[in-house]
C-alpha atoms as a PDB file:
ATOM      1  CA  MET A   1      89.508 -30.849 -86.381  1.00  0.00           C
ATOM      2  CA  LYS A   2      92.801 -32.887 -86.096  1.00  0.00           C
ATOM      3  CA  LYS A   3      94.535 -29.403 -84.099  1.00  0.00           C
ATOM      4  CA  HIS A   4      91.468 -29.156 -81.873  1.00  0.00           C
ATOM      5  CA  PHE A   5      92.289 -32.963 -81.073  1.00  0.00           C
ATOM      6  CA  LEU A   6      96.072 -31.997 -79.967  1.00  0.00           C
ATOM      7  CA  ALA A   7      95.062 -28.895 -78.478  1.00  0.00           C
ATOM      8  CA  LYS A   8      92.951 -30.791 -76.020  1.00  0.00           C
ATOM      9  CA  VAL A   9      95.673 -33.456 -75.355  1.00  0.00           C
ATOM     10  CA  VAL A  10      98.282 -30.983 -74.349  1.00  0.00           C
ATOM     11  CA  VAL A  11      95.667 -29.204 -71.940  1.00  0.00           C
ATOM     12  CA  LEU A  12      94.765 -32.813 -70.386  1.00  0.00           C
ATOM     13  CA  SER A  13      98.638 -33.852 -69.809  1.00  0.00           C
ATOM     14  CA  ILE A  14      99.277 -30.900 -68.738  1.00  0.00           C
ATOM     15  CA  ALA A  15      96.553 -30.328 -66.067  1.00  0.00           C
ATOM     16  CA  ALA A  16      96.643 -34.272 -65.162  1.00  0.00           C
ATOM     17  CA  SER A  17     100.734 -32.808 -63.762  1.00  0.00           C
ATOM     18  CA  PHE A  18      99.604 -30.201 -62.235  1.00  0.00           C
ATOM     19  CA  PHE A  19      96.937 -32.864 -60.743  1.00  0.00           C
ATOM     20  CA  SER A  20      99.638 -35.304 -59.453  1.00  0.00           C
ATOM     21  CA  LEU A  21     102.064 -33.129 -58.097  1.00  0.00           C
ATOM     22  CA  ALA A  22      99.056 -31.201 -55.980  1.00  0.00           C
ATOM     23  CA  ASP A  23      98.225 -34.303 -54.948  1.00  0.00           C
ATOM     24  CA  ALA A  24     102.271 -35.618 -54.293  1.00  0.00           C
ATOM     25  CA  ALA A  25     102.000 -36.469 -49.911  1.00  0.00           C
ATOM     26  CA  ARG A  26     105.587 -35.961 -48.248  1.00  0.00           C
ATOM     27  CA  VAL A  27     107.011 -36.663 -45.127  1.00  0.00           C
ATOM     28  CA  ASP A  28     109.487 -34.529 -43.715  1.00  0.00           C
ATOM     29  CA  VAL A  29     111.857 -36.737 -40.813  1.00  0.00           C
ATOM     30  CA  TYR A  30     113.718 -34.350 -38.747  1.00  0.00           C
ATOM     31  CA  PRO A  31     116.524 -35.581 -36.894  1.00  0.00           C
ATOM     32  CA  GLN A  32     115.223 -33.940 -32.936  1.00  0.00           C
ATOM     33  CA  SER A  33     112.439 -36.497 -34.052  1.00  0.00           C
ATOM     34  CA  PHE A  34     114.590 -40.151 -33.740  1.00  0.00           C
ATOM     35  CA  ASP A  35     115.591 -41.477 -30.119  1.00  0.00           C
ATOM     36  CA  ALA A  36     119.240 -40.438 -30.475  1.00  0.00           C
ATOM     37  CA  GLY A  37     120.260 -43.930 -29.129  1.00  0.00           C
ATOM     38  CA  GLY A  38     124.016 -44.015 -29.929  1.00  0.00           C
ATOM     39  CA  TRP A  39     124.053 -41.054 -31.923  1.00  0.00           C
ATOM     40  CA  SER A  40     124.374 -37.341 -31.298  1.00  0.00           C
ATOM     41  CA  LEU A  41     121.612 -34.666 -31.937  1.00  0.00           C
ATOM     42  CA  ASP A  42     124.345 -32.149 -33.140  1.00  0.00           C
ATOM     43  CA  ALA A  43     123.291 -28.605 -33.599  1.00  0.00           C
ATOM     44  CA  GLN A  44     126.398 -26.567 -33.328  1.00  0.00           C
ATOM     45  CA  PHE A  45     126.525 -25.170 -37.191  1.00  0.00           C
ATOM     46  CA  MET A  46     122.035 -24.318 -37.286  1.00  0.00           C
ATOM     47  CA  ASP A  47     123.453 -21.257 -39.252  1.00  0.00           C
ATOM     48  CA  VAL A  48     125.642 -22.640 -41.810  1.00  0.00           C
ATOM     49  CA  MET A  49     122.883 -25.358 -41.994  1.00  0.00           C
ATOM     50  CA  GLY A  50     119.763 -24.145 -41.511  1.00  0.00           C
ATOM     51  CA  SER A  51     118.958 -27.884 -39.184  1.00  0.00           C
ATOM     52  CA  PRO A  52     120.394 -29.826 -36.368  1.00  0.00           C
ATOM     53  CA  TYR A  53     121.942 -33.065 -37.804  1.00  0.00           C
ATOM     54  CA  LEU A  54     122.545 -36.873 -35.978  1.00  0.00           C
ATOM     55  CA  LEU A  55     125.888 -37.692 -35.637  1.00  0.00           C
ATOM     56  CA  ALA A  56     127.316 -41.192 -34.984  1.00  0.00           C
ATOM     57  CA  HIS A  57     130.515 -40.176 -33.594  1.00  0.00           C
ATOM     58  CA  GLY A  58     131.821 -43.882 -31.055  1.00  0.00           C
ATOM     59  CA  LEU A  59     135.666 -43.707 -32.119  1.00  0.00           C
ATOM     60  CA  GLY A  60     135.628 -46.786 -34.322  1.00  0.00           C
ATOM     61  CA  VAL A  61     132.892 -48.765 -32.178  1.00  0.00           C
ATOM     62  CA  ARG A  62     129.692 -48.224 -34.216  1.00  0.00           C
ATOM     63  CA  VAL A  63     126.657 -46.823 -32.366  1.00  0.00           C
ATOM     64  CA  THR A  64     123.056 -48.164 -30.994  1.00  0.00           C
ATOM     65  CA  ASP A  65     120.808 -47.355 -34.513  1.00  0.00           C
ATOM     66  CA  ALA A  66     119.443 -43.452 -33.509  1.00  0.00           C
ATOM     67  CA  LYS A  67     115.155 -44.408 -34.181  1.00  0.00           C
ATOM     68  CA  ALA A  68     111.871 -43.049 -34.785  1.00  0.00           C
ATOM     69  CA  ARG A  69     108.115 -44.144 -35.803  1.00  0.00           C
ATOM     70  CA  VAL A  70     106.881 -41.760 -38.610  1.00  0.00           C
ATOM     71  CA  LYS A  71     103.620 -41.603 -39.414  1.00  0.00           C
ATOM     72  CA  PHE A  72     102.312 -41.739 -43.334  1.00  0.00           C
ATOM     73  CA  PRO A  73      99.373 -39.769 -44.395  1.00  0.00           C
ATOM     74  CA  GLU A  74      98.790 -42.544 -47.698  1.00  0.00           C
ATOM     75  CA  LYS A  75     100.016 -45.806 -48.159  1.00  0.00           C
ATOM     76  CA  GLY A  76     101.961 -46.681 -51.307  1.00  0.00           C
ATOM     77  CA  THR A  77     105.199 -46.264 -52.925  1.00  0.00           C
ATOM     78  CA  TYR A  78     107.813 -43.301 -52.119  1.00  0.00           C
ATOM     79  CA  ARG A  79     110.863 -41.769 -52.573  1.00  0.00           C
ATOM     80  CA  VAL A  80     113.436 -42.056 -49.734  1.00  0.00           C
ATOM     81  CA  TRP A  81     115.534 -38.962 -49.762  1.00  0.00           C
ATOM     82  CA  VAL A  82     118.701 -38.241 -47.224  1.00  0.00           C
ATOM     83  CA  ARG A  83     120.504 -35.117 -46.459  1.00  0.00           C
ATOM     84  CA  THR A  84     124.103 -36.403 -45.841  1.00  0.00           C
ATOM     85  CA  ARG A  85     127.490 -35.672 -46.409  1.00  0.00           C
ATOM     86  CA  SER A  86     131.057 -37.114 -46.680  1.00  0.00           C
ATOM     87  CA  TRP A  87     133.652 -36.122 -44.246  1.00  0.00           C
ATOM     88  CA  ALA A  88     136.414 -37.664 -45.146  1.00  0.00           C
ATOM     89  CA  ASP A  89     138.039 -39.582 -47.449  1.00  0.00           C
ATOM     90  CA  GLY A  90     137.567 -43.545 -47.853  1.00  0.00           C
ATOM     91  CA  ASN A  91     133.972 -42.425 -46.358  1.00  0.00           C
ATOM     92  CA  PRO A  92     134.010 -43.380 -42.422  1.00  0.00           C
ATOM     93  CA  GLY A  93     130.553 -41.890 -41.185  1.00  0.00           C
ATOM     94  CA  ARG A  94     128.808 -44.571 -43.925  1.00  0.00           C
ATOM     95  CA  PHE A  95     125.362 -45.386 -42.830  1.00  0.00           C
ATOM     96  CA  ARG A  96     122.047 -47.505 -43.530  1.00  0.00           C
ATOM     97  CA  VAL A  97     118.178 -46.091 -43.492  1.00  0.00           C
ATOM     98  CA  ILE A  98     116.032 -49.045 -42.441  1.00  0.00           C
ATOM     99  CA  VAL A  99     112.305 -48.823 -43.084  1.00  0.00           C
ATOM    100  CA  GLY A 100     109.892 -50.932 -41.663  1.00  0.00           C
ATOM    101  CA  GLY A 101     112.715 -53.057 -40.697  1.00  0.00           C
ATOM    102  CA  LYS A 102     113.601 -53.667 -44.444  1.00  0.00           C
ATOM    103  CA  PRO A 103     117.386 -51.502 -44.579  1.00  0.00           C
ATOM    104  CA  LEU A 104     117.188 -49.617 -47.755  1.00  0.00           C
ATOM    105  CA  ALA A 105     120.119 -50.674 -50.400  1.00  0.00           C
ATOM    106  CA  LYS A 106     121.940 -47.416 -50.692  1.00  0.00           C
ATOM    107  CA  VAL A 107     124.860 -46.720 -48.296  1.00  0.00           C
ATOM    108  CA  PHE A 108     124.580 -42.690 -47.496  1.00  0.00           C
ATOM    109  CA  GLY A 109     128.371 -40.936 -46.256  1.00  0.00           C
ATOM    110  CA  GLU A 110     129.992 -42.298 -49.556  1.00  0.00           C
ATOM    111  CA  GLY A 111     128.940 -39.266 -51.899  1.00  0.00           C
ATOM    112  CA  SER A 112     130.006 -35.553 -51.836  1.00  0.00           C
ATOM    113  CA  ARG A 113     131.743 -33.712 -49.640  1.00  0.00           C
ATOM    114  CA  GLU A 114     129.017 -31.585 -49.089  1.00  0.00           C
ATOM    115  CA  TRP A 115     125.565 -31.298 -47.315  1.00  0.00           C
ATOM    116  CA  THR A 116     123.349 -32.791 -50.394  1.00  0.00           C
ATOM    117  CA  TRP A 117     120.070 -34.759 -50.730  1.00  0.00           C
ATOM    118  CA  GLU A 118     121.180 -38.132 -51.327  1.00  0.00           C
ATOM    119  CA  ASP A 119     118.519 -40.487 -53.002  1.00  0.00           C
ATOM    120  CA  GLY A 120     117.960 -44.132 -51.537  1.00  0.00           C
ATOM    121  CA  GLY A 121     115.252 -45.110 -53.941  1.00  0.00           C
ATOM    122  CA  THR A 122     111.990 -46.379 -53.718  1.00  0.00           C
ATOM    123  CA  VAL A 123     110.328 -47.746 -50.812  1.00  0.00           C
ATOM    124  CA  ALA A 124     106.945 -49.267 -50.831  1.00  0.00           C
ATOM    125  CA  VAL A 125     104.738 -47.890 -47.303  1.00  0.00           C
ATOM    126  CA  ASP A 126     101.934 -50.566 -46.483  1.00  0.00           C
ATOM    127  CA  SER A 127     101.282 -48.925 -43.229  1.00  0.00           C
ATOM    128  CA  LEU A 128     100.745 -45.489 -41.985  1.00  0.00           C
ATOM    129  CA  SER A 129     103.083 -45.296 -38.912  1.00  0.00           C
ATOM    130  CA  VAL A 130     106.557 -47.525 -39.484  1.00  0.00           C
ATOM    131  CA  ASN A 131     109.890 -47.551 -38.025  1.00  0.00           C
ATOM    132  CA  VAL A 132     112.377 -45.565 -39.676  1.00  0.00           C
ATOM    133  CA  ALA A 133     116.581 -46.377 -38.024  1.00  0.00           C
ATOM    134  CA  LEU A 134     119.939 -44.986 -38.876  1.00  0.00           C
ATOM    135  CA  GLU A 135     122.500 -47.618 -38.825  1.00  0.00           C
ATOM    136  CA  ASP A 136     125.661 -46.488 -38.086  1.00  0.00           C
ATOM    137  CA  LEU A 137     127.932 -48.962 -40.081  1.00  0.00           C
ATOM    138  CA  THR A 138     131.709 -47.738 -39.476  1.00  0.00           C
ATOM    139  CA  GLY A 139     131.362 -45.910 -35.952  1.00  0.00           C
ATOM    140  CA  PHE A 140     133.158 -42.455 -37.922  1.00  0.00           C
ATOM    141  CA  ASP A 141     130.680 -39.542 -38.282  1.00  0.00           C
ATOM    142  CA  GLY A 142     128.490 -40.705 -40.270  1.00  0.00           C
ATOM    143  CA  ARG A 143     125.527 -37.740 -40.289  1.00  0.00           C
ATOM    144  CA  CYS A 144     121.951 -37.008 -41.359  1.00  0.00           C
ATOM    145  CA  ALA A 145     120.514 -33.835 -41.425  1.00  0.00           C
ATOM    146  CA  GLY A 146     117.460 -34.988 -42.015  1.00  0.00           C
ATOM    147  CA  ILE A 147     114.797 -37.594 -44.801  1.00  0.00           C
ATOM    148  CA  VAL A 148     112.254 -36.879 -46.784  1.00  0.00           C
ATOM    149  CA  PHE A 149     109.743 -39.113 -48.331  1.00  0.00           C
ATOM    150  CA  THR A 150     107.475 -38.435 -51.676  1.00  0.00           C
ATOM    151  CA  THR A 151     105.592 -39.782 -53.337  1.00  0.00           C
ATOM    152  CA  ASP A 152     107.548 -37.510 -56.321  1.00  0.00           C
ATOM    153  CA  SER A 153     110.495 -37.421 -57.642  1.00  0.00           C
ATOM    154  CA  LYS A 154     111.738 -34.215 -56.797  1.00  0.00           C
ATOM    155  CA  ARG A 155     114.704 -33.786 -55.304  1.00  0.00           C
ATOM    156  CA  PRO A 156     114.043 -31.984 -52.132  1.00  0.00           C
ATOM    157  CA  GLU A 157     116.029 -28.309 -51.498  1.00  0.00           C
ATOM    158  CA  GLY A 158     117.899 -26.792 -48.709  1.00  0.00           C
ATOM    159  CA  ALA A 159     117.145 -27.822 -45.000  1.00  0.00           C
ATOM    160  CA  LEU A 160     113.992 -29.151 -43.928  1.00  0.00           C
ATOM    161  CA  LYS A 161     111.051 -27.616 -44.363  1.00  0.00           C
ATOM    162  CA  VAL A 162     110.315 -25.199 -41.157  1.00  0.00           C
ATOM    163  CA  ASP A 163     107.672 -27.065 -38.961  1.00  0.00           C
ATOM    164  CA  GLU A 164     105.377 -24.525 -37.796  1.00  0.00           C
ATOM    165  CA  ALA A 165     103.634 -26.619 -35.594  1.00  0.00           C
ATOM    166  CA  ASN A 166     106.299 -27.129 -33.452  1.00  0.00           C
ATOM    167  CA  VAL A 167     108.031 -23.385 -33.243  1.00  0.00           C
ATOM    168  CA  SER A 168     107.511 -22.141 -29.952  1.00  0.00           C
ATOM    169  CA  GLU A 169     106.575 -17.917 -29.432  1.00  0.00           C
ATOM    170  CA  THR A 170     109.769 -15.292 -29.811  1.00  0.00           C
ATOM    171  CA  VAL A 171     110.817 -14.061 -26.763  1.00  0.00           C
ATOM    172  CA  GLU A 172     112.626 -10.533 -25.880  1.00  0.00           C
ATOM    173  CA  ALA A 173     115.451 -11.018 -23.404  1.00  0.00           C
ATOM    174  CA  ASP A 174     118.416  -9.284 -21.867  1.00  0.00           C
ATOM    175  CA  LEU A 175     120.640 -11.537 -21.762  1.00  0.00           C
ATOM    176  CA  VAL A 176     121.249 -14.737 -24.029  1.00  0.00           C
ATOM    177  CA  VAL A 177     123.740 -17.772 -22.527  1.00  0.00           C
ATOM    178  CA  VAL A 178     124.722 -19.694 -25.849  1.00  0.00           C
ATOM    179  CA  GLY A 179     127.026 -22.654 -25.005  1.00  0.00           C
ATOM    180  CA  GLY A 180     130.225 -24.018 -26.207  1.00  0.00           C
ATOM    181  CA  GLY A 181     129.529 -27.751 -27.198  1.00  0.00           C
ATOM    182  CA  MET A 182     126.799 -30.209 -28.088  1.00  0.00           C
ATOM    183  CA  PRO A 183     123.564 -30.878 -26.228  1.00  0.00           C
ATOM    184  CA  ARG A 184     123.730 -33.706 -24.458  1.00  0.00           C
ATOM    185  CA  ALA A 185     120.578 -36.051 -23.683  1.00  0.00           C
ATOM    186  CA  ASP A 186     122.026 -36.570 -19.980  1.00  0.00           C
ATOM    187  CA  ALA A 187     123.326 -33.536 -18.748  1.00  0.00           C
ATOM    188  CA  ALA A 188     120.815 -32.417 -16.317  1.00  0.00           C
END
């Protein structure tokens, strides 16, 4: 009798973990979805990175916030992951993420010299549409390659998932012209 009870408990706990993982909500916030403000969308390293990233390059003067309106599938507590890197000693590229008008306690751009997902802690989401902002703290090259909000605590891997809804058709061409620098929003 005792063995059967223990087996049922193990099976139920495995099933509960499977269903809780299957029900986890995840929201990927792409750099392209931000109104860049004073940040620039840097796409020149997509072959290395797997995605573009936002760059706060103010030559020592803090740039205006990048802002996005993020839609959530449900209200609740979400863990926040930010893909970033520290590019130089002394961490000159520090920035903060602001969710719903409240800055996260974590300051980003102080960690690894390699691109990685940094844990920003948890945030209570009480609306299905929330403002998210990136606040430059130094004016020296803060970098953000995406944000993931998730109801589980699993660290994302690599670049953000490809957003199939925004992938256009593939076109065969005889000639492709490739630029030599960052795209500019004000270029006509």
